[in-house]
PDB file of N, CA and C in Angstrom:
ATOM      1  N   MET A   1      89.014 111.562 123.536  1.00  0.00           N
ATOM      2  CA  MET A   1      89.125 112.751 122.961  1.00  0.00           C
ATOM      3  C   MET A   1      90.353 113.122 122.354  1.00  0.00           C
ATOM      4  N   LEU A   2      90.419 113.606 121.143  1.00  0.00           N
ATOM      5  CA  LEU A   2      91.624 113.763 120.449  1.00  0.00           C
ATOM      6  C   LEU A   2      91.576 115.151 120.081  1.00  0.00           C
ATOM      7  N   ASP A   3      92.788 115.821 120.348  1.00  0.00           N
ATOM      8  CA  ASP A   3      92.445 117.100 120.124  1.00  0.00           C
ATOM      9  C   ASP A   3      94.110 117.522 119.351  1.00  0.00           C
ATOM     10  N   ALA A   4      93.377 117.640 118.049  1.00  0.00           N
ATOM     11  CA  ALA A   4      94.418 118.155 117.002  1.00  0.00           C
ATOM     12  C   ALA A   4      94.981 119.601 117.182  1.00  0.00           C
ATOM     13  N   GLY A   5      94.446 120.420 117.886  1.00  0.00           N
ATOM     14  CA  GLY A   5      94.789 121.525 118.227  1.00  0.00           C
ATOM     15  C   GLY A   5      95.257 121.844 119.301  1.00  0.00           C
ATOM     16  N   ASP A   6      96.317 121.056 120.108  1.00  0.00           N
ATOM     17  CA  ASP A   6      97.055 121.197 121.073  1.00  0.00           C
ATOM     18  C   ASP A   6      98.345 121.408 121.099  1.00  0.00           C
ATOM     19  N   SER A   7      98.890 122.455 121.677  1.00  0.00           N
ATOM     20  CA  SER A   7     100.100 122.706 120.702  1.00  0.00           C
ATOM     21  C   SER A   7     101.487 122.118 121.291  1.00  0.00           C
ATOM     22  N   ASN A   8     101.265 121.026 121.520  1.00  0.00           N
ATOM     23  CA  ASN A   8     102.349 120.056 121.453  1.00  0.00           C
ATOM     24  C   ASN A   8     102.293 119.374 120.135  1.00  0.00           C
ATOM     25  N   ASN A   9     100.926 119.294 119.089  1.00  0.00           N
ATOM     26  CA  ASN A   9     101.409 119.110 117.801  1.00  0.00           C
ATOM     27  C   ASN A   9     102.012 119.922 116.878  1.00  0.00           C
ATOM     28  N   ARG A  10     102.516 119.122 115.945  1.00  0.00           N
ATOM     29  CA  ARG A  10     103.574 120.028 115.194  1.00  0.00           C
ATOM     30  C   ARG A  10     103.162 119.523 113.571  1.00  0.00           C
ATOM     31  N   PRO A  11     102.138 120.631 113.231  1.00  0.00           N
ATOM     32  CA  PRO A  11     101.668 121.512 113.841  1.00  0.00           C
ATOM     33  C   PRO A  11     100.127 121.766 114.338  1.00  0.00           C
ATOM     34  N   PRO A  12     100.090 122.271 115.356  1.00  0.00           N
ATOM     35  CA  PRO A  12      98.554 122.250 116.019  1.00  0.00           C
ATOM     36  C   PRO A  12      97.480 122.826 114.875  1.00  0.00           C
ATOM     37  N   ARG A  13      96.506 122.198 114.673  1.00  0.00           N
ATOM     38  CA  ARG A  13      95.283 122.266 113.555  1.00  0.00           C
ATOM     39  C   ARG A  13      94.063 122.906 114.436  1.00  0.00           C
ATOM     40  N   SER A  14      93.586 123.323 113.383  1.00  0.00           N
ATOM     41  CA  SER A  14      91.944 123.596 113.567  1.00  0.00           C
ATOM     42  C   SER A  14      91.192 122.790 113.311  1.00  0.00           C
ATOM     43  N   ALA A  15      91.552 121.779 112.484  1.00  0.00           N
ATOM     44  CA  ALA A  15      90.495 120.761 112.350  1.00  0.00           C
ATOM     45  C   ALA A  15      90.774 119.142 112.242  1.00  0.00           C
ATOM     46  N   ILE A  16      90.049 118.441 112.556  1.00  0.00           N
ATOM     47  CA  ILE A  16      90.205 117.286 112.740  1.00  0.00           C
ATOM     48  C   ILE A  16      89.817 116.279 111.628  1.00  0.00           C
ATOM     49  N   ALA A  17      90.228 115.249 110.810  1.00  0.00           N
ATOM     50  CA  ALA A  17      88.863 114.742 109.960  1.00  0.00           C
ATOM     51  C   ALA A  17      88.167 113.452 110.905  1.00  0.00           C
ATOM     52  N   TYR A  18      86.958 113.138 110.374  1.00  0.00           N
ATOM     53  CA  TYR A  18      86.255 112.244 111.477  1.00  0.00           C
ATOM     54  C   TYR A  18      86.627 110.746 110.903  1.00  0.00           C
ATOM     55  N   ARG A  19      87.440 110.118 111.753  1.00  0.00           N
ATOM     56  CA  ARG A  19      87.833 108.504 111.509  1.00  0.00           C
ATOM     57  C   ARG A  19      87.253 108.112 113.138  1.00  0.00           C
ATOM     58  N   LEU A  20      87.221 106.951 112.791  1.00  0.00           N
ATOM     59  CA  LEU A  20      86.773 105.953 113.894  1.00  0.00           C
ATOM     60  C   LEU A  20      87.823 104.794 113.883  1.00  0.00           C
ATOM     61  N   PRO A  21      88.266 104.593 115.121  1.00  0.00           N
ATOM     62  CA  PRO A  21      89.266 103.357 115.500  1.00  0.00           C
ATOM     63  C   PRO A  21      88.483 101.970 114.989  1.00  0.00           C
ATOM     64  N   GLU A  22      89.290 101.103 115.104  1.00  0.00           N
ATOM     65  CA  GLU A  22      88.853 100.124 114.496  1.00  0.00           C
ATOM     66  C   GLU A  22      88.687  99.115 115.676  1.00  0.00           C
ATOM     67  N   PRO A  23      87.907  98.407 115.866  1.00  0.00           N
ATOM     68  CA  PRO A  23      86.767  97.691 114.811  1.00  0.00           C
ATOM     69  C   PRO A  23      85.537  99.516 114.941  1.00  0.00           C
ATOM     70  N   ALA A  24      85.344  99.739 113.640  1.00  0.00           N
ATOM     71  CA  ALA A  24      84.531 101.084 113.884  1.00  0.00           C
ATOM     72  C   ALA A  24      83.127 100.614 114.323  1.00  0.00           C
ATOM     73  N   SER A  25      82.409  99.362 114.195  1.00  0.00           N
ATOM     74  CA  SER A  25      81.195  99.228 114.669  1.00  0.00           C
ATOM     75  C   SER A  25      81.284  99.350 115.894  1.00  0.00           C
ATOM     76  N   ALA A  26      82.679  99.623 116.825  1.00  0.00           N
ATOM     77  CA  ALA A  26      82.376  99.304 118.091  1.00  0.00           C
ATOM     78  C   ALA A  26      82.511 101.025 118.971  1.00  0.00           C
ATOM     79  N   PHE A  27      82.212 101.647 117.894  1.00  0.00           N
ATOM     80  CA  PHE A  27      82.662 103.263 118.121  1.00  0.00           C
ATOM     81  C   PHE A  27      81.259 104.243 117.577  1.00  0.00           C
ATOM     82  N   GLU A  28      81.451 105.463 118.432  1.00  0.00           N
ATOM     83  CA  GLU A  28      80.873 106.545 117.478  1.00  0.00           C
ATOM     84  C   GLU A  28      81.431 107.931 117.737  1.00  0.00           C
ATOM     85  N   GLY A  29      81.028 108.748 116.693  1.00  0.00           N
ATOM     86  CA  GLY A  29      82.162 109.714 117.009  1.00  0.00           C
ATOM     87  C   GLY A  29      81.946 110.882 116.328  1.00  0.00           C
ATOM     88  N   ARG A  30      82.004 112.214 116.801  1.00  0.00           N
ATOM     89  CA  ARG A  30      81.611 113.863 116.395  1.00  0.00           C
ATOM     90  C   ARG A  30      82.653 114.286 116.557  1.00  0.00           C
ATOM     91  N   VAL A  31      82.882 115.286 115.431  1.00  0.00           N
ATOM     92  CA  VAL A  31      84.277 116.169 115.275  1.00  0.00           C
ATOM     93  C   VAL A  31      83.499 117.538 115.206  1.00  0.00           C
ATOM     94  N   PHE A  32      83.968 118.507 116.628  1.00  0.00           N
ATOM     95  CA  PHE A  32      83.973 119.804 116.655  1.00  0.00           C
ATOM     96  C   PHE A  32      85.113 120.515 116.463  1.00  0.00           C
ATOM     97  N   GLY A  33      85.693 120.810 115.324  1.00  0.00           N
ATOM     98  CA  GLY A  33      86.626 121.744 114.991  1.00  0.00           C
ATOM     99  C   GLY A  33      88.200 120.825 114.989  1.00  0.00           C
ATOM    100  N   PRO A  34      88.873 121.278 115.810  1.00  0.00           N
ATOM    101  CA  PRO A  34      90.174 120.177 116.165  1.00  0.00           C
ATOM    102  C   PRO A  34      89.447 118.962 117.142  1.00  0.00           C
ATOM    103  N   TYR A  35      88.673 119.096 117.408  1.00  0.00           N
ATOM    104  CA  TYR A  35      88.239 117.746 118.814  1.00  0.00           C
ATOM    105  C   TYR A  35      87.785 116.493 117.922  1.00  0.00           C
ATOM    106  N   LEU A  36      88.357 115.168 118.138  1.00  0.00           N
ATOM    107  CA  LEU A  36      87.177 114.266 117.619  1.00  0.00           C
ATOM    108  C   LEU A  36      87.069 113.366 118.973  1.00  0.00           C
ATOM    109  N   VAL A  37      85.287 113.659 119.267  1.00  0.00           N
ATOM    110  CA  VAL A  37      84.997 113.451 120.515  1.00  0.00           C
ATOM    111  C   VAL A  37      84.721 111.607 120.187  1.00  0.00           C
ATOM    112  N   LEU A  38      85.172 110.328 121.085  1.00  0.00           N
ATOM    113  CA  LEU A  38      84.610 109.169 120.622  1.00  0.00           C
ATOM    114  C   LEU A  38      84.184 108.436 121.536  1.00  0.00           C
ATOM    115  N   ARG A  39      83.388 107.585 121.469  1.00  0.00           N
ATOM    116  CA  ARG A  39      83.104 106.782 122.806  1.00  0.00           C
ATOM    117  C   ARG A  39      82.211 105.673 121.984  1.00  0.00           C
ATOM    118  N   THR A  40      81.898 104.633 122.944  1.00  0.00           N
ATOM    119  CA  THR A  40      81.663 103.149 122.558  1.00  0.00           C
ATOM    120  C   THR A  40      80.144 103.262 122.913  1.00  0.00           C
ATOM    121  N   ARG A  41      79.920 102.199 121.692  1.00  0.00           N
ATOM    122  CA  ARG A  41      78.318 102.320 121.223  1.00  0.00           C
ATOM    123  C   ARG A  41      77.989 101.484 122.767  1.00  0.00           C
ATOM    124  N   GLU A  42      78.677 100.787 123.344  1.00  0.00           N
ATOM    125  CA  GLU A  42      77.810  99.565 123.976  1.00  0.00           C
ATOM    126  C   GLU A  42      78.997  99.351 125.223  1.00  0.00           C
ATOM    127  N   PRO A  43      78.579  99.278 126.877  1.00  0.00           N
ATOM    128  CA  PRO A  43      79.574  99.708 127.903  1.00  0.00           C
ATOM    129  C   PRO A  43      80.674  98.542 127.517  1.00  0.00           C
ATOM    130  N   THR A  44      81.765  99.070 127.989  1.00  0.00           N
ATOM    131  CA  THR A  44      82.845  98.192 127.881  1.00  0.00           C
ATOM    132  C   THR A  44      83.201  96.626 128.940  1.00  0.00           C
ATOM    133  N   ARG A  45      82.464  96.996 129.909  1.00  0.00           N
ATOM    134  CA  ARG A  45      81.816  95.959 130.826  1.00  0.00           C
ATOM    135  C   ARG A  45      82.909  95.279 131.387  1.00  0.00           C
ATOM    136  N   THR A  46      84.021  95.237 130.862  1.00  0.00           N
ATOM    137  CA  THR A  46      85.326  94.801 131.701  1.00  0.00           C
ATOM    138  C   THR A  46      86.414  95.328 131.368  1.00  0.00           C
ATOM    139  N   PRO A  47      87.444  95.537 132.273  1.00  0.00           N
ATOM    140  CA  PRO A  47      88.625  96.148 132.128  1.00  0.00           C
ATOM    141  C   PRO A  47      89.289  95.475 130.848  1.00  0.00           C
ATOM    142  N   ALA A  48      89.228  94.845 130.790  1.00  0.00           N
ATOM    143  CA  ALA A  48      90.178  93.878 129.658  1.00  0.00           C
ATOM    144  C   ALA A  48      89.401  94.931 128.170  1.00  0.00           C
ATOM    145  N   ARG A  49      88.402  94.939 128.036  1.00  0.00           N
ATOM    146  CA  ARG A  49      87.206  95.129 127.004  1.00  0.00           C
ATOM    147  C   ARG A  49      87.738  96.733 126.967  1.00  0.00           C
ATOM    148  N   TYR A  50      87.498  97.685 128.033  1.00  0.00           N
ATOM    149  CA  TYR A  50      88.330  98.987 127.795  1.00  0.00           C
ATOM    150  C   TYR A  50      89.537  99.137 127.766  1.00  0.00           C
ATOM    151  N   LEU A  51      90.537  98.298 127.958  1.00  0.00           N
ATOM    152  CA  LEU A  51      91.646  98.693 127.588  1.00  0.00           C
ATOM    153  C   LEU A  51      91.879  98.525 126.237  1.00  0.00           C
ATOM    154  N   THR A  52      91.710  97.323 125.939  1.00  0.00           N
ATOM    155  CA  THR A  52      91.561  96.920 124.484  1.00  0.00           C
ATOM    156  C   THR A  52      91.106  97.957 123.467  1.00  0.00           C
ATOM    157  N   LEU A  53      89.855  98.771 123.558  1.00  0.00           N
ATOM    158  CA  LEU A  53      88.899  99.854 122.533  1.00  0.00           C
ATOM    159  C   LEU A  53      90.012 101.325 123.277  1.00  0.00           C
ATOM    160  N   ALA A  54      90.398 101.488 124.361  1.00  0.00           N
ATOM    161  CA  ALA A  54      91.681 102.529 124.683  1.00  0.00           C
ATOM    162  C   ALA A  54      92.190 102.827 123.409  1.00  0.00           C
ATOM    163  N   GLU A  55      93.550 101.600 123.215  1.00  0.00           N
ATOM    164  CA  GLU A  55      94.324 100.812 122.735  1.00  0.00           C
ATOM    165  C   GLU A  55      94.290 101.533 121.363  1.00  0.00           C
ATOM    166  N   SER A  56      92.878 100.921 120.885  1.00  0.00           N
ATOM    167  CA  SER A  56      92.618 101.087 119.480  1.00  0.00           C
ATOM    168  C   SER A  56      92.548 103.175 119.360  1.00  0.00           C
ATOM    169  N   ALA A  57      91.329 103.253 120.168  1.00  0.00           N
ATOM    170  CA  ALA A  57      91.625 105.049 120.000  1.00  0.00           C
ATOM    171  C   ALA A  57      92.738 105.702 120.060  1.00  0.00           C
ATOM    172  N   LEU A  58      93.584 105.333 120.915  1.00  0.00           N
ATOM    173  CA  LEU A  58      94.848 105.684 121.085  1.00  0.00           C
ATOM    174  C   LEU A  58      95.734 105.780 119.744  1.00  0.00           C
ATOM    175  N   ARG A  59      95.725 104.334 119.278  1.00  0.00           N
ATOM    176  CA  ARG A  59      96.181 104.062 118.267  1.00  0.00           C
ATOM    177  C   ARG A  59      96.171 104.788 116.797  1.00  0.00           C
ATOM    178  N   LEU A  60      94.502 105.281 116.720  1.00  0.00           N
ATOM    179  CA  LEU A  60      94.248 106.022 115.921  1.00  0.00           C
ATOM    180  C   LEU A  60      94.511 107.954 115.607  1.00  0.00           C
ATOM    181  N   GLY A  61      94.676 107.770 117.133  1.00  0.00           N
ATOM    182  CA  GLY A  61      95.543 109.314 117.201  1.00  0.00           C
ATOM    183  C   GLY A  61      96.503 109.324 117.170  1.00  0.00           C
ATOM    184  N   ARG A  62      97.222 108.517 117.474  1.00  0.00           N
ATOM    185  CA  ARG A  62      99.054 108.316 117.192  1.00  0.00           C
ATOM    186  C   ARG A  62      98.617 108.564 115.101  1.00  0.00           C
ATOM    187  N   ASP A  63      97.903 107.444 114.826  1.00  0.00           N
ATOM    188  CA  ASP A  63      98.211 108.145 113.407  1.00  0.00           C
ATOM    189  C   ASP A  63      97.782 109.254 112.579  1.00  0.00           C
ATOM    190  N   VAL A  64      96.632 109.958 113.388  1.00  0.00           N
ATOM    191  CA  VAL A  64      96.579 110.869 112.880  1.00  0.00           C
ATOM    192  C   VAL A  64      97.523 112.354 113.194  1.00  0.00           C
ATOM    193  N   GLY A  65      98.482 111.789 114.088  1.00  0.00           N
ATOM    194  CA  GLY A  65      99.541 112.948 114.569  1.00  0.00           C
ATOM    195  C   GLY A  65      99.361 113.583 115.888  1.00  0.00           C
ATOM    196  N   ILE A  66      98.698 112.915 116.693  1.00  0.00           N
ATOM    197  CA  ILE A  66      98.123 113.838 118.167  1.00  0.00           C
ATOM    198  C   ILE A  66      99.331 113.506 119.136  1.00  0.00           C
ATOM    199  N   VAL A  67     100.070 114.467 119.294  1.00  0.00           N
ATOM    200  CA  VAL A  67     101.691 113.675 119.709  1.00  0.00           C
ATOM    201  C   VAL A  67     101.422 112.890 121.406  1.00  0.00           C
ATOM    202  N   ASP A  68     100.297 113.992 122.473  1.00  0.00           N
ATOM    203  CA  ASP A  68     100.151 112.806 123.837  1.00  0.00           C
ATOM    204  C   ASP A  68      99.617 111.299 123.618  1.00  0.00           C
ATOM    205  N   ASP A  69      99.019 111.144 122.402  1.00  0.00           N
ATOM    206  CA  ASP A  69      98.896 109.841 122.616  1.00  0.00           C
ATOM    207  C   ASP A  69      99.689 108.709 122.306  1.00  0.00           C
ATOM    208  N   ALA A  70     101.075 108.975 122.249  1.00  0.00           N
ATOM    209  CA  ALA A  70     102.026 108.108 122.029  1.00  0.00           C
ATOM    210  C   ALA A  70     102.418 107.703 123.202  1.00  0.00           C
ATOM    211  N   GLY A  71     102.318 108.540 124.199  1.00  0.00           N
ATOM    212  CA  GLY A  71     102.609 108.565 125.875  1.00  0.00           C
ATOM    213  C   GLY A  71     101.410 107.455 126.702  1.00  0.00           C
ATOM    214  N   ASN A  72     100.218 108.017 126.092  1.00  0.00           N
ATOM    215  CA  ASN A  72      98.840 107.341 126.639  1.00  0.00           C
ATOM    216  C   ASN A  72      98.899 105.686 126.245  1.00  0.00           C
ATOM    217  N   LEU A  73      98.932 105.862 124.986  1.00  0.00           N
ATOM    218  CA  LEU A  73      99.388 104.839 124.401  1.00  0.00           C
ATOM    219  C   LEU A  73      99.961 103.388 125.282  1.00  0.00           C
ATOM    220  N   HIS A  74     101.455 103.865 125.615  1.00  0.00           N
ATOM    221  CA  HIS A  74     102.030 103.047 126.367  1.00  0.00           C
ATOM    222  C   HIS A  74     101.819 102.850 127.713  1.00  0.00           C
ATOM    223  N   THR A  75     101.284 103.986 128.028  1.00  0.00           N
ATOM    224  CA  THR A  75     100.476 103.188 129.839  1.00  0.00           C
ATOM    225  C   THR A  75      99.193 102.721 129.627  1.00  0.00           C
ATOM    226  N   ILE A  76      98.348 102.563 128.182  1.00  0.00           N
ATOM    227  CA  ILE A  76      97.159 101.395 128.449  1.00  0.00           C
ATOM    228  C   ILE A  76      98.126 100.163 127.692  1.00  0.00           C
ATOM    229  N   LEU A  77      99.257 100.146 127.134  1.00  0.00           N
ATOM    230  CA  LEU A  77      99.642  98.546 127.012  1.00  0.00           C
ATOM    231  C   LEU A  77     100.585  98.024 128.282  1.00  0.00           C
ATOM    232  N   LEU A  78     101.150  99.419 129.353  1.00  0.00           N
ATOM    233  CA  LEU A  78     101.635  98.490 130.258  1.00  0.00           C
ATOM    234  C   LEU A  78     100.704  98.016 130.983  1.00  0.00           C
ATOM    235  N   ALA A  79      99.424  98.882 131.320  1.00  0.00           N
ATOM    236  CA  ALA A  79      98.024  98.316 131.980  1.00  0.00           C
ATOM    237  C   ALA A  79      97.397  96.730 131.245  1.00  0.00           C
ATOM    238  N   GLU A  80      97.570  96.342 130.179  1.00  0.00           N
ATOM    239  CA  GLU A  80      97.330  95.543 129.575  1.00  0.00           C
ATOM    240  C   GLU A  80      98.080  94.527 129.838  1.00  0.00           C
ATOM    241  N   ASP A  81      99.693  94.422 129.766  1.00  0.00           N
ATOM    242  CA  ASP A  81     100.474  93.470 130.404  1.00  0.00           C
ATOM    243  C   ASP A  81      99.971  93.171 131.986  1.00  0.00           C
ATOM    244  N   ARG A  82      99.976  94.458 132.712  1.00  0.00           N
ATOM    245  CA  ARG A  82      99.885  93.925 134.037  1.00  0.00           C
ATOM    246  C   ARG A  82      98.410  92.794 134.149  1.00  0.00           C
ATOM    247  N   LEU A  83      97.349  93.290 133.446  1.00  0.00           N
ATOM    248  CA  LEU A  83      96.038  92.665 133.874  1.00  0.00           C
ATOM    249  C   LEU A  83      96.176  91.238 132.817  1.00  0.00           C
ATOM    250  N   ARG A  84      96.924  90.972 132.418  1.00  0.00           N
ATOM    251  CA  ARG A  84      97.240  89.485 132.136  1.00  0.00           C
ATOM    252  C   ARG A  84      98.270  88.519 133.085  1.00  0.00           C
TER     253      ARG A  84
END
């Protein structure tokens, strides 16, 4: 879930645009005010696929200005390095 209304965002916003991470065919989403709720269309099945798709979602969050997602993205990248 991406939260554009979080007080860490400058400025916090009351709405967020509907966008999907890449590959868009792997995700579905819904917008509820400042929240963009994302989920994968299919089970991720493996830790590697989960991390790949989570990275994509967090990159989208960073691209739309969600501040917390930069730190979360760093954590996912570390986990991917450990998995390799």
